[in-house]
C-alpha cells in the first residue's frame, strides 16, 4: 500500500476516534441532565450517512468535511446556528433551561473525555509495551553538542547531570525543556562536576533552527559490521572509524547524517553526478582514503557501533493506570509550556494542517506509534478546545463563568454573533495552517 494511503488511513482513524469520544463527553452529560441531543455528527458539512434509531431523539450522521464533529443540543447556539429554535418558548429539555452549573459540566465534558482517553491510551501502551527510554548515563562516550551549545560552554563528552539541581533521568524533550528554562546546568566532565551558566533568553524554536541537534548521544562512526555493498568493495572493515565524507566532517553519527542530508539536497538541486563518496577513515591510528559506491540514498552498506542501550520499565495492569495518568499529565504540562511559541514568528510559520498531522504518523503501520500519537493529539485537542475562543468549548465555558459570577445571562443575539466570530476565526486558522503545509510541500 502507498505510504500516502497508510498515513491518510491513520489520520482518519485517529481523528474519528478522538472526535467521537470528545462529542460523547458532551452527549453523556447532556443526557444525564435531561438535555435533548438533536444530532450527533462525525465531521462537518452535508451528511453523507445518517441514522436515527426508533424511539430516539438523536440523529447520528457522518458529514463530508473531515474537520471535526459536533453534537447539536436543543436550546443552544452552536455550529448549526439554529436561530429559529431559540425564538421559540423555552422548553424543559433544552440546554438554556438548565442551571448554569449543569451547562458548565456539559461544556467541559468533551475536554474531560479527551484527557481521560489520552491517559487510558498511555496506560494501556505502558501495560502492553512498557516504558522504553535512553538513560543519560548509559553512554560511555557522553553527549555530543552543536555550535550553539558549545558557545554556551558545553563540550563533547560531557554527561548531563542536572538542571537547577533537578537530576536528569532520560534523553528526550523534557530534558531539552529543562535545559532551556534552567539558570545552571551541571555536567560531568573528565570525572569532575562542572556548572554551566545558561543564557537568559533561550527557547526550543532556536534549537530547531540549527542543522545539528543541540545535544545528542555521542556516537562515533565506528563500523560494527559490513553488509554487501560499496563499503565491502572499497575495503572498509569492522572497527574503521569514518572521519569525513566528501570533505565534510562525519566522525560521529550526527555529523555523518548531516553530511548525507547536504548531499541529498545537492542531488535535488542537480549538483550530484554520481553517488560515489570520498571517505576518509581511521584504522588503528592511521588515516586513509577510499571511494565508496553507494545506492540512490547514499547508503554504504555498513552498520555502526551503538554505544548505548534502551532501558524498559514494565508495568502490570493496575500499576499502568496511575503511570498512564502521570504520563498524560506530564505530556499536557509540556504542551502547555511549549504553546507560548505559537505567538512567535517562527511558531506561527510552523503551524500545520492535515499534511503536518499525517507526517506525525509512521510510513509503516505500527500500533505502538499509532496509539502514542493518538493519545498526544487527544491532549492537544483537549487543550485547544478549552481555549476561551468563541465557537470552542472554552468560549462557552467563559460565557458561563461570567454568567455564574455576574448572575446575568448573555443575550441570544450576543451568543449568536460570538459563535459566528469564533467560527470565522477557526476557519481562518484552519486555512492558514493548511496553507503552511502547501508552502512547505512546493516551495
Protein backbone atom coordinates (compact mmCIF):
# COMPACT_ATOMS: atom_id res chain seq x y z
CA UNK A 1 0.00 0.00 0.00
CA UNK A 2 1.37 3.51 -0.85
CA UNK A 3 2.78 5.49 2.07
CA UNK A 4 0.28 8.30 1.43
CA UNK A 5 -2.67 5.94 1.94
CA UNK A 6 -1.13 4.41 5.07
CA UNK A 7 -0.71 7.84 6.64
CA UNK A 8 -4.15 9.01 5.45
CA UNK A 9 -5.87 5.99 6.95
CA UNK A 10 -4.09 6.55 10.28
CA UNK A 11 -5.09 10.23 10.35
CA UNK A 12 -8.75 9.47 9.58
CA UNK A 13 -8.94 6.62 12.09
CA UNK A 14 -7.22 8.63 14.83
CA UNK A 15 -9.24 11.82 14.35
CA UNK A 16 -12.51 9.91 14.02
CA UNK A 17 -11.87 8.14 17.31
CA UNK A 18 -10.95 11.39 19.08
CA UNK A 19 -13.91 13.35 17.69
CA UNK A 20 -16.40 10.62 18.61
CA UNK A 21 -15.01 10.36 22.14
CA UNK A 22 -14.96 14.16 22.58
CA UNK A 23 -18.57 14.55 21.46
CA UNK A 24 -19.53 11.53 23.56
CA UNK A 25 -18.47 13.54 26.61
CA UNK A 26 -20.93 16.31 25.71
CA UNK A 27 -23.60 13.75 24.79
CA UNK A 28 -23.49 11.73 28.02
CA UNK A 29 -23.53 14.74 30.34
CA UNK A 30 -26.32 16.31 28.30
CA UNK A 31 -28.42 13.16 28.66
CA UNK A 32 -27.51 12.97 32.37
CA UNK A 33 -29.10 16.37 32.94
CA UNK A 34 -32.06 15.72 30.67
CA UNK A 35 -30.97 17.82 27.68
CA UNK A 36 -32.22 16.61 24.31
CA UNK A 37 -29.49 15.89 21.75
CA UNK A 38 -30.83 16.64 18.28
CA UNK A 39 -27.81 15.41 16.30
CA UNK A 40 -24.52 13.59 16.87
CA UNK A 41 -22.25 14.37 13.91
CA UNK A 42 -18.87 12.98 12.94
CA UNK A 43 -17.28 15.61 10.65
CA UNK A 44 -18.92 18.75 9.27
CA UNK A 45 -20.83 19.52 6.08
CA UNK A 46 -23.82 17.93 4.43
CA UNK A 47 -24.47 14.42 5.82
CA UNK A 48 -23.40 11.54 3.59
CA UNK A 49 -24.62 8.96 6.12
CA UNK A 50 -27.43 9.31 8.63
CA UNK A 51 -29.20 7.04 11.10
CA UNK A 52 -31.94 7.60 13.69
CA UNK A 53 -32.87 4.66 15.93
CA UNK A 54 -36.52 4.05 16.74
CA UNK A 55 -37.77 5.94 19.81
CA UNK A 56 -34.58 8.02 19.80
CA UNK A 57 -34.46 11.81 19.80
CA UNK A 58 -30.95 11.83 18.33
CA UNK A 59 -29.95 11.59 14.67
CA UNK A 60 -26.45 10.18 14.05
CA UNK A 61 -24.73 11.47 10.91
CA UNK A 62 -21.36 11.50 9.11
CA UNK A 63 -20.50 14.71 7.25
CA UNK A 64 -18.40 15.02 4.11
CA UNK A 65 -15.87 17.55 5.52
CA UNK A 66 -13.38 15.74 7.84
CA UNK A 67 -12.61 18.71 10.08
CA UNK A 68 -14.11 17.54 13.39
CA UNK A 69 -17.63 16.94 14.61
CA UNK A 70 -20.32 18.19 16.96
CA UNK A 71 -23.41 17.37 18.99
CA UNK A 72 -26.41 19.59 18.40
CA UNK A 73 -28.08 20.27 21.75
CA UNK A 74 -31.63 21.57 21.96
CA UNK A 75 -31.71 25.18 23.11
CA UNK A 76 -28.11 26.05 22.29
CA UNK A 77 -26.47 28.31 19.72
CA UNK A 78 -23.70 26.17 18.24
CA UNK A 79 -22.18 25.16 14.89
CA UNK A 80 -25.64 24.50 13.44
CA UNK A 81 -26.65 28.14 14.07
CA UNK A 82 -30.26 27.03 14.59
CA UNK A 83 -31.52 30.50 15.45
CA UNK A 84 -35.19 29.74 14.80
CA UNK A 85 -35.29 27.26 17.68
CA UNK A 86 -34.07 29.95 20.06
CA UNK A 87 -37.04 32.15 19.12
CA UNK A 88 -39.48 29.54 20.43
CA UNK A 89 -40.64 29.37 24.06
CA UNK A 90 -38.09 27.76 26.38
CA UNK A 91 -38.64 24.04 26.96
CA UNK A 92 -37.55 21.98 30.00
CA UNK A 93 -35.45 19.61 27.84
CA UNK A 94 -33.40 22.44 26.34
CA UNK A 95 -29.91 23.40 27.44
CA UNK A 96 -30.89 27.02 28.04
CA UNK A 97 -33.42 25.94 30.68
CA UNK A 98 -30.79 24.19 32.82
CA UNK A 99 -28.85 25.77 35.70
CA UNK A 100 -25.54 27.35 34.75
CA UNK A 101 -23.52 24.73 36.67
CA UNK A 102 -25.11 21.90 34.68
CA UNK A 103 -24.45 23.69 31.40
CA UNK A 104 -20.85 24.22 32.51
CA UNK A 105 -20.35 20.50 33.15
CA UNK A 106 -21.86 19.65 29.75
CA UNK A 107 -19.49 22.08 28.03
CA UNK A 108 -16.33 20.71 29.68
CA UNK A 109 -17.44 17.10 29.14
CA UNK A 110 -15.70 16.80 25.77
CA UNK A 111 -12.38 18.12 27.06
CA UNK A 112 -12.53 15.82 30.10
CA UNK A 113 -13.22 12.81 27.88
CA UNK A 114 -10.25 13.64 25.65
CA UNK A 115 -7.97 13.82 28.68
CA UNK A 116 -9.39 10.57 30.07
CA UNK A 117 -8.93 8.87 26.70
CA UNK A 118 -5.32 10.06 26.42
CA UNK A 119 -4.44 8.81 29.90
CA UNK A 120 -6.20 5.49 29.24
CA UNK A 121 -4.27 5.00 25.98
CA UNK A 122 -0.98 5.84 27.68
CA UNK A 123 -1.81 3.37 30.47
CA UNK A 124 -2.58 0.57 28.02
CA UNK A 125 0.57 1.32 26.00
CA UNK A 126 2.65 1.10 29.18
CA UNK A 127 0.89 -2.15 30.10
CA UNK A 128 1.46 -3.65 26.63
CA UNK A 129 4.91 -2.35 25.67
CA UNK A 130 6.33 -0.82 28.84
CA UNK A 131 8.22 2.47 29.02
CA UNK A 132 11.40 2.40 26.92
CA UNK A 133 13.87 5.26 27.31
CA UNK A 134 17.52 6.21 26.98
CA UNK A 135 19.17 6.86 30.38
CA UNK A 136 21.52 9.81 30.13
CA UNK A 137 24.28 7.97 31.95
CA UNK A 138 24.07 4.99 29.59
CA UNK A 139 26.72 6.06 27.08
CA UNK A 140 30.41 5.64 27.74
CA UNK A 141 31.15 8.48 25.30
CA UNK A 142 28.85 11.04 26.92
CA UNK A 143 26.96 13.57 24.79
CA UNK A 144 27.64 15.47 21.57
CA UNK A 145 26.78 19.18 21.29
CA UNK A 146 26.34 21.58 18.37
CA UNK A 147 27.96 25.01 17.95
CA UNK A 148 25.20 26.83 19.88
CA UNK A 149 25.70 24.54 22.87
CA UNK A 150 29.50 24.80 22.69
CA UNK A 151 29.23 28.61 22.68
CA UNK A 152 27.32 28.36 25.97
CA UNK A 153 30.01 26.15 27.49
CA UNK A 154 29.11 22.52 26.79
CA UNK A 155 31.78 20.19 25.43
CA UNK A 156 31.59 16.88 23.57
CA UNK A 157 31.85 14.05 26.06
CA UNK A 158 30.00 15.91 28.85
CA UNK A 159 27.47 13.81 30.73
CA UNK A 160 24.33 15.78 31.65
CA UNK A 161 23.59 15.51 35.37
CA UNK A 162 21.05 18.13 36.43
CA UNK A 163 19.30 21.43 35.68
CA UNK A 164 18.92 23.82 38.63
CA UNK A 165 19.56 20.88 40.93
CA UNK A 166 16.90 18.62 39.37
CA UNK A 167 18.56 15.40 38.24
CA UNK A 168 18.17 14.29 34.62
CA UNK A 169 16.88 10.78 34.10
CA UNK A 170 16.34 10.27 30.39
CA UNK A 171 17.08 11.73 26.98
CA UNK A 172 14.10 13.46 25.38
CA UNK A 173 12.03 16.61 25.04
CA UNK A 174 11.58 17.01 28.80
CA UNK A 175 15.36 17.15 29.09
CA UNK A 176 15.54 19.93 26.48
CA UNK A 177 12.76 21.90 28.22
CA UNK A 178 14.67 21.65 31.48
CA UNK A 179 17.87 22.90 29.83
CA UNK A 180 16.07 25.82 28.15
CA UNK A 181 14.42 27.03 31.36
CA UNK A 182 17.38 26.42 33.70
CA UNK A 183 19.69 29.02 35.16
CA UNK A 184 22.51 26.49 35.50
CA UNK A 185 23.17 23.00 34.14
CA UNK A 186 25.59 20.61 35.83
CA UNK A 187 27.61 18.16 33.74
CA UNK A 188 30.24 15.53 34.47
CA UNK A 189 33.41 16.44 32.54
CA UNK A 190 36.53 14.29 32.82
CA UNK A 191 35.28 12.90 36.12
CA UNK A 192 34.59 16.35 37.63
CA UNK A 193 31.24 18.10 38.04
CA UNK A 194 31.15 21.35 36.06
CA UNK A 195 28.45 24.03 36.33
CA UNK A 196 27.40 25.81 33.12
CA UNK A 197 25.51 29.13 33.36
CA UNK A 198 22.70 29.30 30.80
CA UNK A 199 21.79 32.44 28.80
CA UNK A 200 18.66 34.28 29.93
CA UNK A 201 16.79 34.07 26.63
CA UNK A 202 16.59 30.60 25.13
CA UNK A 203 13.75 28.64 23.56
CA UNK A 204 13.17 25.33 21.84
CA UNK A 205 12.45 27.01 18.50
CA UNK A 206 16.04 28.28 18.40
CA UNK A 207 17.19 24.67 18.75
CA UNK A 208 15.14 23.66 15.71
CA UNK A 209 16.88 26.26 13.54
CA UNK A 210 20.24 24.52 13.90
CA UNK A 211 21.42 21.98 11.33
CA UNK A 212 22.69 19.70 14.11
CA UNK A 213 20.84 18.81 17.34
CA UNK A 214 21.61 20.89 20.42
CA UNK A 215 22.56 17.70 22.25
CA UNK A 216 22.61 14.03 21.31
CA UNK A 217 24.36 10.87 22.43
CA UNK A 218 27.96 10.84 21.24
CA UNK A 219 28.04 8.02 18.71
CA UNK A 220 31.33 7.69 16.83
CA UNK A 221 31.10 6.46 13.23
CA UNK A 222 32.89 3.23 14.02
CA UNK A 223 31.90 0.40 11.67
CA UNK A 224 30.34 -2.50 13.54
CA UNK A 225 29.68 -4.73 10.54
CA UNK A 226 29.87 -4.76 6.74
CA UNK A 227 26.99 -5.94 4.56
CA UNK A 228 27.03 -6.41 0.81
CA UNK A 229 27.59 -3.07 -0.85
CA UNK A 230 30.09 -0.36 -1.70
CA UNK A 231 31.85 -0.38 1.69
CA UNK A 232 32.96 -4.01 1.27
CA UNK A 233 34.22 -3.39 -2.26
CA UNK A 234 36.08 -0.28 -1.07
CA UNK A 235 37.99 -2.30 1.50
CA UNK A 236 36.42 -0.94 4.68
CA UNK A 237 36.39 -3.36 7.63
CA UNK A 238 34.90 -3.64 11.09
CA UNK A 239 36.49 -1.17 13.51
CA UNK A 240 37.29 1.51 10.91
CA UNK A 241 36.36 4.98 12.17
CA UNK A 242 34.94 7.21 9.42
CA UNK A 243 36.31 10.76 9.71
CA UNK A 244 34.84 12.63 6.74
CA UNK A 245 32.66 12.18 3.65
CA UNK A 246 33.38 14.30 0.55
CA UNK A 247 35.45 16.65 2.73
CA UNK A 248 32.54 17.14 5.18
CA UNK A 249 33.03 16.18 8.87
CA UNK A 250 31.44 12.79 9.57
CA UNK A 251 33.25 11.36 12.59
CA UNK A 252 30.01 10.94 14.57
CA UNK A 253 26.59 9.64 13.57
CA UNK A 254 25.13 13.17 13.90
CA UNK A 255 27.67 14.82 11.61
CA UNK A 256 27.56 11.86 9.19
CA UNK A 257 23.76 12.18 8.90
CA UNK A 258 24.11 15.93 8.35
CA UNK A 259 26.64 15.30 5.57
CA UNK A 260 24.29 12.88 3.81
CA UNK A 261 21.45 15.41 4.11
CA UNK A 262 23.61 18.00 2.36
CA UNK A 263 24.41 15.51 -0.41
CA UNK A 264 20.73 14.69 -0.87
CA UNK A 265 19.94 18.41 -1.10
CA UNK A 266 22.68 18.86 -3.70
CA UNK A 267 21.22 15.96 -5.65
CA UNK A 268 17.78 17.60 -5.64
CA UNK A 269 19.40 20.77 -6.98
CA UNK A 270 21.05 18.77 -9.77
CA UNK A 271 24.62 19.15 -8.49
CA UNK A 272 25.32 15.43 -7.92
CA UNK A 273 26.68 13.47 -10.90
CA UNK A 274 27.15 10.10 -9.21
CA UNK A 275 26.81 8.56 -5.74
CA UNK A 276 30.47 7.70 -5.15
CA UNK A 277 31.68 9.03 -1.80
CA UNK A 278 35.25 10.00 -0.94
CA UNK A 279 35.65 8.61 2.57
CA UNK A 280 38.49 9.38 4.98
CA UNK A 281 38.78 6.82 7.77
CA UNK A 282 40.98 5.94 10.72
CA UNK A 283 42.25 2.36 11.05
CA UNK A 284 44.33 1.64 14.14
CA UNK A 285 45.53 5.26 14.32
CA UNK A 286 46.38 5.57 10.60
CA UNK A 287 44.32 7.76 8.26
CA UNK A 288 43.47 6.53 4.78
CA UNK A 289 41.08 7.47 1.96
CA UNK A 290 38.87 5.33 -0.24
CA UNK A 291 35.99 5.76 -2.68
CA UNK A 292 32.73 4.07 -1.77
CA UNK A 293 29.96 3.43 -4.28
CA UNK A 294 26.53 3.98 -2.66
CA UNK A 295 22.91 3.44 -3.63
CA UNK A 296 20.36 6.12 -4.52
CA UNK A 297 20.04 7.08 -0.83
CA UNK A 298 23.84 7.25 -0.31
CA UNK A 299 23.81 4.09 1.79
CA UNK A 300 27.26 2.49 2.09
CA UNK A 301 26.29 -0.98 3.31
CA UNK A 302 27.51 -0.70 6.90
CA UNK A 303 26.13 -0.83 10.43
CA UNK A 304 27.61 1.47 13.04
CA UNK A 305 28.54 0.82 16.65
CA UNK A 306 25.77 1.80 19.10
CA UNK A 307 27.45 2.70 22.42
CA UNK A 308 24.24 2.91 24.46
CA UNK A 309 21.09 0.88 25.03
CA UNK A 310 17.46 1.47 25.91
CA UNK A 311 16.00 0.54 29.25
CA UNK A 312 12.40 -0.63 29.56
CA UNK A 313 10.25 -0.30 32.67
CA UNK A 314 7.49 -2.90 32.74
CA UNK A 315 4.03 -2.26 34.23
CA UNK A 316 1.30 -4.59 35.44
CA UNK A 317 -2.30 -3.71 34.60
CA UNK A 318 -3.11 -1.92 37.86
CA UNK A 319 0.26 -0.16 38.03
CA UNK A 320 -0.19 1.10 34.45
CA UNK A 321 -3.26 3.20 35.40
CA UNK A 322 -1.54 5.76 37.67
CA UNK A 323 1.52 5.63 35.40
CA UNK A 324 -0.65 6.45 32.39
CA UNK A 325 -2.28 9.34 34.25
CA UNK A 326 1.15 10.69 35.22
CA UNK A 327 2.36 10.31 31.62
CA UNK A 328 -0.69 12.15 30.31
CA UNK A 329 -0.34 14.94 32.87
CA UNK A 330 3.34 15.39 32.03
CA UNK A 331 2.52 15.50 28.31
CA UNK A 332 -0.15 18.14 28.91
CA UNK A 333 2.24 20.26 31.01
CA UNK A 334 4.87 20.05 28.29
CA UNK A 335 2.44 21.07 25.56
CA UNK A 336 1.08 23.99 27.60
CA UNK A 337 4.67 25.10 28.24
CA UNK A 338 5.50 24.98 24.52
CA UNK A 339 2.28 26.73 23.47
CA UNK A 340 3.82 30.15 24.08
CA UNK A 341 5.97 29.63 20.98
CA UNK A 342 2.83 29.80 18.81
CA UNK A 343 2.83 33.57 19.34
CA UNK A 344 6.29 33.99 17.82
CA UNK A 345 7.04 34.41 14.12
CA UNK A 346 8.76 31.04 13.91
CA UNK A 347 5.96 29.35 15.83
CA UNK A 348 3.26 30.79 13.58
CA UNK A 349 5.00 29.57 10.43
CA UNK A 350 5.40 26.12 11.97
CA UNK A 351 1.64 25.65 12.29
CA UNK A 352 0.36 22.86 10.07
CA UNK A 353 -2.83 21.20 8.94
CA UNK A 354 -3.66 17.69 7.83
CA UNK A 355 -0.39 17.16 5.98
CA UNK A 356 1.53 18.02 9.15
CA UNK A 357 -0.67 15.70 11.20
CA UNK A 358 -0.14 12.94 8.64
CA UNK A 359 3.61 13.46 8.88
CA UNK A 360 3.46 12.65 12.59
CA UNK A 361 2.39 9.08 11.84
CA UNK A 362 4.87 6.43 10.63
CA UNK A 363 5.09 5.34 6.98
CA UNK A 364 4.54 1.73 8.02
CA UNK A 365 1.66 0.60 10.19
CA UNK A 366 2.77 0.34 13.80
CA UNK A 367 0.24 0.06 16.61
CA UNK A 368 2.59 1.47 19.26
CA UNK A 369 3.28 4.62 17.23
CA UNK A 370 -0.38 4.96 16.26
CA UNK A 371 -1.66 4.84 19.83
CA UNK A 372 1.07 7.12 21.19
CA UNK A 373 0.33 9.72 18.51
CA UNK A 374 -3.43 9.39 19.00
CA UNK A 375 -3.03 9.99 22.74
CA UNK A 376 -0.84 13.04 22.07
CA UNK A 377 -3.34 14.51 19.61
CA UNK A 378 -6.09 13.89 22.18
CA UNK A 379 -4.10 16.01 24.66
CA UNK A 380 -3.76 18.74 22.03
CA UNK A 381 -7.49 18.68 21.22
CA UNK A 382 -8.37 18.92 24.91
CA UNK A 383 -6.15 21.94 25.44
CA UNK A 384 -7.10 23.70 22.22
CA UNK A 385 -10.82 23.19 22.86
CA UNK A 386 -10.67 24.78 26.30
CA UNK A 387 -9.11 27.99 24.98
CA UNK A 388 -11.52 30.93 25.52
CA UNK A 389 -12.33 31.34 21.82
CA UNK A 390 -15.98 31.69 20.77
CA UNK A 391 -17.27 28.54 18.98
CA UNK A 392 -14.89 26.37 21.01
CA UNK A 393 -15.87 24.73 24.28
CA UNK A 394 -13.65 27.24 26.08
CA UNK A 395 -15.68 30.13 24.66
CA UNK A 396 -18.91 28.66 26.03
CA UNK A 397 -17.19 27.99 29.36
CA UNK A 398 -16.01 31.61 29.53
CA UNK A 399 -19.52 32.96 28.98
CA UNK A 400 -20.91 30.54 31.56
CA UNK A 401 -18.34 31.58 34.14
CA UNK A 402 -19.23 35.23 33.52
CA UNK A 403 -22.90 34.31 33.94
CA UNK A 404 -22.21 32.48 37.21
CA UNK A 405 -20.18 35.39 38.60
CA UNK A 406 -22.44 38.23 37.44
CA UNK A 407 -25.70 36.24 37.60
CA UNK A 408 -26.61 37.73 34.24
CA UNK A 409 -27.15 35.54 31.21
CA UNK A 410 -25.73 36.79 27.86
CA UNK A 411 -28.40 37.53 25.27
CA UNK A 412 -29.07 35.08 22.44
CA UNK A 413 -28.06 37.80 19.98
CA UNK A 414 -24.68 38.19 21.65
CA UNK A 415 -24.11 34.42 21.69
CA UNK A 416 -25.11 34.17 18.03
CA UNK A 417 -22.62 36.86 16.99
CA UNK A 418 -19.89 35.37 19.18
CA UNK A 419 -20.46 31.96 17.58
CA UNK A 420 -20.14 33.41 14.08
CA UNK A 421 -16.97 35.33 15.01
CA UNK A 422 -15.49 32.22 16.55
CA UNK A 423 -16.26 30.09 13.51
CA UNK A 424 -14.65 32.69 11.23
CA UNK A 425 -11.52 32.67 13.43
CA UNK A 426 -11.36 28.87 13.43
CA UNK A 427 -11.79 28.53 9.67
CA UNK A 428 -9.19 31.26 9.10
CA UNK A 429 -6.71 29.38 11.32
CA UNK A 430 -7.53 26.14 9.54
CA UNK A 431 -6.92 27.72 6.13
CA UNK A 432 -3.68 29.31 7.37
CA UNK A 433 -2.38 26.04 8.83
CA UNK A 434 -3.11 24.04 5.68
CA UNK A 435 -1.65 26.83 3.52
CA UNK A 436 1.58 26.43 5.50
CA UNK A 437 1.52 22.75 4.56
CA UNK A 438 1.19 23.61 0.87
CA UNK A 439 4.03 26.14 1.04
CA UNK A 440 6.32 23.62 2.74
CA UNK A 441 5.46 20.99 0.12
CA UNK A 442 6.03 23.07 -3.01
CA UNK A 443 8.30 25.97 -2.07
